[in-house]
N, C-alpha and C. Protein backbone atom coordinates (compact mmCIF):
# COMPACT_ATOMS: atom_id res chain seq x y z
N MET A 1 -18.89 23.05 25.22
CA MET A 1 -19.34 24.14 26.07
C MET A 1 -19.83 23.56 27.39
N ILE A 2 -19.25 24.06 28.48
CA ILE A 2 -19.70 23.61 29.79
C ILE A 2 -20.83 24.51 30.25
N LYS A 3 -21.87 23.88 30.73
CA LYS A 3 -23.06 24.59 31.17
C LYS A 3 -22.98 24.88 32.63
N ASN A 4 -23.89 25.73 33.07
CA ASN A 4 -24.04 26.04 34.46
C ASN A 4 -24.59 24.84 35.22
N PRO A 5 -24.09 24.54 36.42
CA PRO A 5 -24.59 23.37 37.13
C PRO A 5 -26.09 23.47 37.45
N LYS A 6 -26.60 24.67 37.54
CA LYS A 6 -28.01 24.84 37.81
C LYS A 6 -28.85 24.25 36.71
N LYS A 7 -28.34 24.23 35.47
CA LYS A 7 -29.11 23.65 34.35
C LYS A 7 -29.42 22.19 34.66
N TYR A 8 -28.44 21.44 35.19
CA TYR A 8 -28.62 20.04 35.51
C TYR A 8 -29.55 19.88 36.68
N LEU A 9 -29.45 20.79 37.66
CA LEU A 9 -30.33 20.74 38.85
C LEU A 9 -31.78 21.00 38.37
N PHE A 10 -31.97 21.95 37.48
CA PHE A 10 -33.32 22.21 36.93
C PHE A 10 -33.83 20.99 36.17
N ASP A 11 -32.97 20.34 35.43
CA ASP A 11 -33.37 19.09 34.72
C ASP A 11 -33.82 18.05 35.67
N ILE A 12 -33.05 17.83 36.70
CA ILE A 12 -33.43 16.81 37.70
C ILE A 12 -34.74 17.14 38.36
N GLN A 13 -34.91 18.42 38.67
CA GLN A 13 -36.21 18.86 39.26
C GLN A 13 -37.35 18.57 38.32
N LEU A 14 -37.17 18.91 37.04
CA LEU A 14 -38.19 18.70 36.02
C LEU A 14 -38.54 17.19 35.92
N PHE A 15 -37.51 16.36 35.88
CA PHE A 15 -37.77 14.91 35.73
C PHE A 15 -38.49 14.36 36.95
N CYS A 16 -38.16 14.85 38.15
CA CYS A 16 -38.87 14.42 39.38
C CYS A 16 -40.33 14.86 39.33
N LEU A 17 -40.58 16.09 38.91
CA LEU A 17 -41.94 16.59 38.81
C LEU A 17 -42.74 15.84 37.77
N ARG A 18 -42.08 15.46 36.69
CA ARG A 18 -42.77 14.65 35.67
C ARG A 18 -43.21 13.30 36.26
N ILE A 19 -42.31 12.70 37.03
CA ILE A 19 -42.66 11.42 37.68
C ILE A 19 -43.91 11.62 38.56
N ASP A 20 -43.94 12.71 39.33
CA ASP A 20 -45.13 12.98 40.14
C ASP A 20 -46.39 13.09 39.30
N GLU A 21 -46.25 13.75 38.12
CA GLU A 21 -47.42 13.84 37.22
C GLU A 21 -47.86 12.50 36.69
N TYR A 22 -46.91 11.64 36.32
CA TYR A 22 -47.24 10.32 35.80
C TYR A 22 -47.99 9.52 36.86
N LEU A 23 -47.74 9.78 38.10
CA LEU A 23 -48.37 8.99 39.18
C LEU A 23 -49.76 9.49 39.58
N LEU A 24 -50.20 10.61 38.97
CA LEU A 24 -51.56 11.06 39.29
C LEU A 24 -52.56 9.98 38.99
N GLY A 25 -53.36 9.67 39.97
CA GLY A 25 -54.36 8.60 39.82
C GLY A 25 -53.83 7.20 40.06
N ILE A 26 -52.53 7.10 40.31
CA ILE A 26 -51.92 5.79 40.58
C ILE A 26 -51.57 5.79 42.07
N ASP A 27 -52.38 5.09 42.84
CA ASP A 27 -52.19 5.12 44.28
C ASP A 27 -51.89 3.76 44.89
N SER A 28 -51.49 2.83 44.03
CA SER A 28 -51.14 1.49 44.55
C SER A 28 -50.20 0.82 43.60
N ILE A 29 -49.50 -0.17 44.13
CA ILE A 29 -48.60 -0.96 43.29
C ILE A 29 -49.38 -1.69 42.17
N GLU A 30 -50.59 -2.07 42.49
CA GLU A 30 -51.40 -2.80 41.50
C GLU A 30 -51.70 -1.90 40.30
N LYS A 31 -52.12 -0.63 40.58
CA LYS A 31 -52.39 0.27 39.46
C LYS A 31 -51.12 0.60 38.69
N TYR A 32 -49.98 0.76 39.44
CA TYR A 32 -48.71 1.04 38.76
C TYR A 32 -48.34 -0.13 37.83
N SER A 33 -48.49 -1.34 38.33
CA SER A 33 -48.11 -2.53 37.55
C SER A 33 -48.95 -2.72 36.31
N GLN A 34 -50.16 -2.19 36.29
CA GLN A 34 -51.08 -2.35 35.16
C GLN A 34 -50.80 -1.35 34.04
N SER A 35 -50.04 -0.32 34.31
CA SER A 35 -49.84 0.72 33.30
C SER A 35 -48.44 0.70 32.73
N PHE A 36 -48.26 0.02 31.60
CA PHE A 36 -46.92 -0.04 31.00
C PHE A 36 -46.48 1.34 30.52
N VAL A 37 -47.38 2.21 30.14
CA VAL A 37 -47.01 3.56 29.69
C VAL A 37 -46.43 4.32 30.85
N VAL A 38 -47.05 4.28 32.02
CA VAL A 38 -46.54 4.96 33.21
C VAL A 38 -45.21 4.36 33.63
N LYS A 39 -45.12 3.05 33.65
CA LYS A 39 -43.91 2.42 34.05
C LYS A 39 -42.74 2.83 33.11
N ASP A 40 -42.98 2.78 31.82
CA ASP A 40 -41.91 3.16 30.87
C ASP A 40 -41.47 4.65 31.06
N ALA A 41 -42.46 5.50 31.27
CA ALA A 41 -42.17 6.94 31.43
C ALA A 41 -41.36 7.17 32.72
N ILE A 42 -41.74 6.52 33.77
CA ILE A 42 -41.07 6.67 35.03
C ILE A 42 -39.64 6.14 34.95
N GLU A 43 -39.49 4.98 34.39
CA GLU A 43 -38.16 4.40 34.28
C GLU A 43 -37.26 5.29 33.44
N ARG A 44 -37.75 5.84 32.37
CA ARG A 44 -36.92 6.76 31.54
C ARG A 44 -36.54 8.00 32.30
N ASN A 45 -37.42 8.54 33.10
CA ASN A 45 -37.08 9.74 33.84
C ASN A 45 -36.11 9.45 35.00
N ILE A 46 -36.16 8.27 35.58
CA ILE A 46 -35.14 7.86 36.52
C ILE A 46 -33.79 7.78 35.86
N GLU A 47 -33.73 7.24 34.65
CA GLU A 47 -32.47 7.22 33.89
C GLU A 47 -31.94 8.62 33.67
N LYS A 48 -32.83 9.54 33.28
CA LYS A 48 -32.39 10.90 32.99
C LYS A 48 -31.94 11.62 34.27
N ILE A 49 -32.61 11.37 35.38
CA ILE A 49 -32.17 11.91 36.68
C ILE A 49 -30.75 11.46 36.98
N ALA A 50 -30.52 10.17 36.86
CA ALA A 50 -29.18 9.60 37.16
C ALA A 50 -28.13 10.21 36.21
N GLU A 51 -28.43 10.32 34.94
CA GLU A 51 -27.47 10.93 34.01
C GLU A 51 -27.16 12.39 34.32
N SER A 52 -28.18 13.11 34.70
CA SER A 52 -27.96 14.51 35.09
C SER A 52 -27.10 14.59 36.36
N MET A 53 -27.36 13.69 37.30
CA MET A 53 -26.53 13.65 38.51
C MET A 53 -25.06 13.34 38.18
N LYS A 54 -24.89 12.42 37.24
CA LYS A 54 -23.52 12.06 36.83
C LYS A 54 -22.82 13.27 36.20
N LYS A 55 -23.50 14.03 35.37
CA LYS A 55 -22.88 15.21 34.76
C LYS A 55 -22.57 16.25 35.83
N LEU A 56 -23.40 16.43 36.81
CA LEU A 56 -23.10 17.34 37.90
C LEU A 56 -21.81 16.90 38.63
N LYS A 57 -21.69 15.61 38.84
CA LYS A 57 -20.53 15.07 39.53
C LYS A 57 -19.26 15.21 38.65
N ASP A 58 -19.36 14.80 37.40
CA ASP A 58 -18.21 14.78 36.51
C ASP A 58 -17.76 16.20 36.12
N LEU A 59 -18.66 17.06 35.81
CA LEU A 59 -18.36 18.37 35.30
C LEU A 59 -18.10 19.43 36.40
N PHE A 60 -18.81 19.27 37.53
CA PHE A 60 -18.77 20.35 38.53
C PHE A 60 -18.37 19.84 39.92
N GLN A 61 -18.12 18.55 40.05
CA GLN A 61 -17.76 17.99 41.35
C GLN A 61 -18.87 18.23 42.39
N ILE A 62 -20.11 18.23 41.95
CA ILE A 62 -21.28 18.33 42.84
C ILE A 62 -21.89 16.96 42.90
N GLU A 63 -21.79 16.34 44.03
CA GLU A 63 -22.38 15.01 44.19
C GLU A 63 -23.49 15.05 45.19
N LEU A 64 -24.68 14.79 44.70
CA LEU A 64 -25.87 14.76 45.60
C LEU A 64 -25.75 13.55 46.50
N PRO A 65 -26.20 13.63 47.74
CA PRO A 65 -26.05 12.53 48.70
C PRO A 65 -26.63 11.20 48.22
N ILE A 66 -27.64 11.27 47.40
CA ILE A 66 -28.34 10.05 46.93
C ILE A 66 -27.81 9.58 45.55
N TYR A 67 -26.70 10.18 45.11
CA TYR A 67 -26.15 9.89 43.78
C TYR A 67 -25.90 8.37 43.57
N ASP A 68 -25.12 7.78 44.48
CA ASP A 68 -24.74 6.37 44.29
C ASP A 68 -25.94 5.50 44.19
N ARG A 69 -26.88 5.66 45.08
CA ARG A 69 -28.11 4.83 45.08
C ARG A 69 -28.86 5.06 43.75
N THR A 70 -29.02 6.27 43.33
CA THR A 70 -29.77 6.57 42.10
C THR A 70 -29.06 6.01 40.87
N TYR A 71 -27.76 6.20 40.80
CA TYR A 71 -27.00 5.74 39.62
C TYR A 71 -26.97 4.20 39.54
N ASN A 72 -26.84 3.56 40.72
CA ASN A 72 -26.87 2.09 40.74
C ASN A 72 -28.22 1.57 40.36
N PHE A 73 -29.26 2.30 40.82
CA PHE A 73 -30.63 1.87 40.48
C PHE A 73 -30.87 2.01 38.98
N ARG A 74 -30.37 3.11 38.38
CA ARG A 74 -30.45 3.34 36.94
C ARG A 74 -29.79 2.18 36.21
N ASN A 75 -28.61 1.76 36.67
CA ASN A 75 -27.90 0.64 36.05
C ASN A 75 -28.73 -0.65 36.10
N SER A 76 -29.40 -0.88 37.24
CA SER A 76 -30.23 -2.06 37.37
C SER A 76 -31.37 -2.04 36.37
N ILE A 77 -32.01 -0.87 36.23
CA ILE A 77 -33.13 -0.74 35.31
C ILE A 77 -32.64 -1.01 33.87
N LEU A 78 -31.46 -0.49 33.52
CA LEU A 78 -30.96 -0.66 32.17
C LEU A 78 -30.42 -2.04 31.90
N HIS A 79 -29.65 -2.58 32.80
CA HIS A 79 -28.92 -3.78 32.53
C HIS A 79 -29.52 -5.07 33.12
N GLN A 80 -30.38 -4.91 34.10
CA GLN A 80 -31.02 -6.08 34.70
C GLN A 80 -32.54 -5.86 34.71
N TYR A 81 -33.01 -5.27 33.65
CA TYR A 81 -34.41 -4.89 33.54
C TYR A 81 -35.37 -6.07 33.84
N ASP A 82 -34.91 -7.28 33.50
CA ASP A 82 -35.76 -8.45 33.70
C ASP A 82 -35.79 -8.93 35.17
N GLU A 83 -34.94 -8.33 35.98
CA GLU A 83 -34.91 -8.71 37.40
C GLU A 83 -35.48 -7.66 38.34
N VAL A 84 -35.60 -6.40 37.83
CA VAL A 84 -36.12 -5.30 38.67
C VAL A 84 -37.65 -5.40 38.68
N LYS A 85 -38.14 -5.53 39.88
CA LYS A 85 -39.58 -5.70 40.06
C LYS A 85 -40.32 -4.34 40.11
N ASP A 86 -41.53 -4.34 39.65
CA ASP A 86 -42.37 -3.13 39.71
C ASP A 86 -42.40 -2.56 41.12
N LYS A 87 -42.50 -3.44 42.09
CA LYS A 87 -42.57 -3.00 43.48
C LYS A 87 -41.32 -2.22 43.89
N THR A 88 -40.18 -2.61 43.38
CA THR A 88 -38.90 -1.93 43.72
C THR A 88 -38.90 -0.50 43.10
N ILE A 89 -39.33 -0.43 41.85
CA ILE A 89 -39.33 0.87 41.19
C ILE A 89 -40.39 1.79 41.88
N TYR A 90 -41.57 1.25 42.13
CA TYR A 90 -42.59 2.03 42.77
C TYR A 90 -42.13 2.53 44.13
N SER A 91 -41.45 1.67 44.87
CA SER A 91 -40.93 2.08 46.19
C SER A 91 -39.88 3.19 46.02
N PHE A 92 -38.99 3.06 45.06
CA PHE A 92 -37.97 4.09 44.81
C PHE A 92 -38.66 5.40 44.51
N VAL A 93 -39.66 5.39 43.70
CA VAL A 93 -40.40 6.60 43.34
C VAL A 93 -41.04 7.25 44.57
N LEU A 94 -41.63 6.44 45.38
CA LEU A 94 -42.34 6.99 46.56
C LEU A 94 -41.38 7.51 47.61
N HIS A 95 -40.25 6.89 47.81
CA HIS A 95 -39.33 7.20 48.88
C HIS A 95 -38.15 8.03 48.46
N ASP A 96 -37.59 7.75 47.35
CA ASP A 96 -36.32 8.40 46.93
C ASP A 96 -36.50 9.66 46.07
N ILE A 97 -37.51 9.67 45.25
CA ILE A 97 -37.72 10.85 44.39
C ILE A 97 -37.97 12.07 45.25
N PRO A 98 -38.77 12.00 46.30
CA PRO A 98 -38.92 13.22 47.15
C PRO A 98 -37.61 13.66 47.78
N LYS A 99 -36.76 12.71 48.14
CA LYS A 99 -35.43 13.06 48.70
C LYS A 99 -34.54 13.78 47.68
N ILE A 100 -34.60 13.24 46.43
CA ILE A 100 -33.83 13.86 45.35
C ILE A 100 -34.33 15.30 45.11
N LEU A 101 -35.62 15.42 45.03
CA LEU A 101 -36.20 16.75 44.79
C LEU A 101 -35.81 17.72 45.91
N GLU A 102 -35.87 17.28 47.14
CA GLU A 102 -35.50 18.12 48.27
C GLU A 102 -34.04 18.53 48.18
N GLU A 103 -33.16 17.62 47.87
CA GLU A 103 -31.75 17.92 47.78
C GLU A 103 -31.45 18.88 46.62
N VAL A 104 -32.10 18.65 45.50
CA VAL A 104 -31.91 19.54 44.31
C VAL A 104 -32.34 20.95 44.68
N GLU A 105 -33.44 21.11 45.31
CA GLU A 105 -33.93 22.43 45.70
C GLU A 105 -32.96 23.08 46.70
N ARG A 106 -32.40 22.32 47.58
CA ARG A 106 -31.43 22.86 48.52
C ARG A 106 -30.16 23.33 47.80
N GLN A 107 -29.71 22.53 46.85
CA GLN A 107 -28.53 22.88 46.06
C GLN A 107 -28.79 24.13 45.24
N MET A 108 -29.96 24.24 44.65
CA MET A 108 -30.26 25.43 43.83
C MET A 108 -30.24 26.70 44.68
N ASP A 109 -30.60 26.57 45.98
CA ASP A 109 -30.58 27.73 46.84
C ASP A 109 -29.16 28.18 47.21
N VAL A 110 -28.20 27.26 47.23
CA VAL A 110 -26.86 27.63 47.68
C VAL A 110 -25.93 27.92 46.51
N LEU A 111 -26.26 27.50 45.29
CA LEU A 111 -25.41 27.83 44.14
C LEU A 111 -25.65 29.24 43.65
N PRO A 112 -24.63 29.90 43.24
CA PRO A 112 -24.83 31.24 42.65
C PRO A 112 -25.49 31.10 41.28
N ASP A 113 -26.13 32.19 40.85
CA ASP A 113 -26.79 32.15 39.52
C ASP A 113 -25.77 32.24 38.39
């Protein structure tokens, strides 16, 4: 059963908002690096964001502008986890997650219900 593309956009939005919640009280790379629970949760939600983006692309030919960067980053987290630095993930969260959220909200406005 093929789902509505908005379902995947809502999922991406949810995962981005969860990341924002996980960062409550974490205002520095040092605090981020000290919390393995937060790091694990954020990494998992980045993976889910990338997978949802891939489904949008594969099923509906909707490719968000930041898709390649997000999917490549997801691959690095999964396959080169020992090389990806906390600083890199924290930077992605601070700079790229807001861009993803903005683009998702824009797409939700233009897609029919």
